[in-house]
Amino acid sequence: MGAEYYRADSESGDHIEDPSEDALFMLINDLNDTDNTFVVVQPDEDDPAWFTSVAVLDEGGYEVVRRDTTRREHDVATETGIDQIARDLTIWMAARDLPGRPTQHTSNF
């Protein structure tokens, strides 16, 4: 059975279904500059509408990419704090439209 909402896959082959903030922290913390340079999180579906990735930078720190084609969002940032990256990604992913979950709507009331 696949992930209920999304999955995280690292270059080294680590795979976590519906990762928590702590699981994302561990995946990012395990990255290195030789054979495990990135992790990608995306919905567990064919042709996902959004994804986020974290990659190790040669000069230190991490490149964080957030892309959501349905919202026309594409953000690339350089970050250094793994705890902040994991927290920000968890919040960002919670705001995405996920398979099997009702679409979120905002109100101006």
Protein backbone atom coordinates (compact mmCIF):
# COMPACT_ATOMS: atom_id res chain seq x y z
CA MET A 1 0.00 0.00 0.00
CA GLY A 2 1.26 3.47 -0.86
CA ALA A 3 1.36 6.61 1.22
CA GLU A 4 -1.93 8.11 2.27
CA TYR A 5 -0.83 11.63 1.24
CA TYR A 6 2.81 11.95 0.17
CA ARG A 7 6.16 10.21 0.25
CA ALA A 8 9.77 11.19 0.78
CA ASP A 9 12.57 9.55 -1.20
CA SER A 10 16.28 10.20 -0.81
CA GLU A 11 19.03 9.56 -3.33
CA SER A 12 20.34 6.72 -1.14
CA GLY A 13 17.04 4.87 -1.46
CA ASP A 14 15.49 5.78 1.89
CA HIS A 15 11.72 5.95 1.53
CA ILE A 16 9.20 7.19 4.08
CA GLU A 17 5.45 7.33 3.53
CA ASP A 18 3.69 10.37 4.99
CA PRO A 19 6.82 11.59 6.80
CA SER A 20 6.44 13.61 9.98
CA GLU A 21 8.51 16.70 10.71
CA ASP A 22 10.90 14.51 12.71
CA ALA A 23 11.22 12.03 9.83
CA LEU A 24 12.01 14.88 7.42
CA PHE A 25 14.63 16.15 9.86
CA MET A 26 16.28 12.72 9.92
CA LEU A 27 16.24 12.39 6.12
CA ILE A 28 17.79 15.84 5.67
CA ASN A 29 20.31 15.22 8.45
CA ASP A 30 21.44 12.04 6.64
CA LEU A 31 22.26 13.95 3.43
CA ASN A 32 25.91 14.27 2.41
CA ASP A 33 27.88 15.60 -0.53
CA THR A 34 28.89 12.25 -2.05
CA ASP A 35 26.16 9.62 -2.44
CA ASN A 36 23.04 10.97 -0.72
CA THR A 37 22.76 14.55 -1.93
CA PHE A 38 19.00 15.13 -2.07
CA VAL A 39 15.56 14.18 -0.81
CA VAL A 40 12.29 14.73 -2.70
CA VAL A 41 8.81 14.86 -1.17
CA GLN A 42 5.73 14.64 -3.39
CA PRO A 43 2.23 13.17 -3.47
CA ASP A 44 2.12 9.42 -3.91
CA GLU A 45 0.41 9.59 -7.31
CA ASP A 46 1.24 9.62 -11.00
CA ASP A 47 2.15 13.08 -12.33
CA PRO A 48 2.02 14.94 -8.98
CA ALA A 49 1.02 18.62 -9.09
CA TRP A 50 3.55 19.64 -6.45
CA PHE A 51 6.88 18.62 -4.98
CA THR A 52 9.57 19.88 -2.68
CA SER A 53 13.21 18.93 -2.56
CA VAL A 54 16.23 19.54 -0.37
CA ALA A 55 19.74 19.23 -1.80
CA VAL A 56 23.19 19.62 -0.26
CA LEU A 57 25.14 22.62 -1.58
CA ASP A 58 28.88 22.38 -2.24
CA GLU A 59 29.50 25.58 -0.29
CA GLY A 60 27.48 24.35 2.69
CA GLY A 61 23.83 24.57 3.56
CA TYR A 62 20.90 23.30 1.54
CA GLU A 63 18.93 24.34 -1.50
CA VAL A 64 15.22 24.03 -0.80
CA VAL A 65 12.83 23.96 -3.76
CA ARG A 66 9.05 24.20 -3.45
CA ARG A 67 6.96 23.86 -6.62
CA ASP A 68 3.19 23.71 -6.98
CA THR A 69 1.93 23.89 -10.56
CA THR A 70 -1.73 24.30 -9.56
CA ARG A 71 -0.90 27.44 -7.58
CA ARG A 72 1.84 28.63 -9.94
CA GLU A 73 4.35 28.60 -7.09
CA HIS A 74 8.04 28.00 -7.58
CA ASP A 75 10.39 29.00 -4.78
CA VAL A 76 14.10 28.26 -4.43
CA ALA A 77 15.90 29.19 -1.21
CA THR A 78 19.19 28.51 0.52
CA GLU A 79 18.86 27.41 4.14
CA THR A 80 21.23 26.15 6.83
CA GLY A 81 19.05 25.00 9.75
CA ILE A 82 17.72 21.46 9.30
CA ASP A 83 15.10 21.93 12.02
CA GLN A 84 13.78 25.07 10.31
CA ILE A 85 13.73 23.35 6.90
CA ALA A 86 11.77 20.36 8.25
CA ARG A 87 9.30 22.64 10.05
CA ASP A 88 8.78 24.94 7.04
CA LEU A 89 8.29 22.01 4.65
CA THR A 90 5.79 20.36 6.99
CA ILE A 91 3.75 23.57 7.13
CA TRP A 92 4.02 24.10 3.35
CA MET A 93 2.94 20.53 2.57
CA ALA A 94 -0.03 20.78 4.94
CA ALA A 95 -1.38 23.59 2.75
CA ARG A 96 -1.20 21.52 -0.47
CA ASP A 97 -4.07 19.75 -2.15
CA LEU A 98 -3.51 16.09 -1.36
CA PRO A 99 -5.15 13.02 -2.91
CA GLY A 100 -7.93 11.69 -0.72
CA ARG A 101 -8.21 14.89 1.30
CA PRO A 102 -10.82 17.56 0.59
CA THR A 103 -9.51 20.67 -1.16
CA GLN A 104 -8.77 23.42 1.32
CA HIS A 105 -10.55 26.71 0.89
CA THR A 106 -9.84 30.01 2.55
CA SER A 107 -12.41 32.53 3.62
CA ASN A 108 -12.25 36.29 3.88
CA PHE A 109 -14.70 36.42 6.80
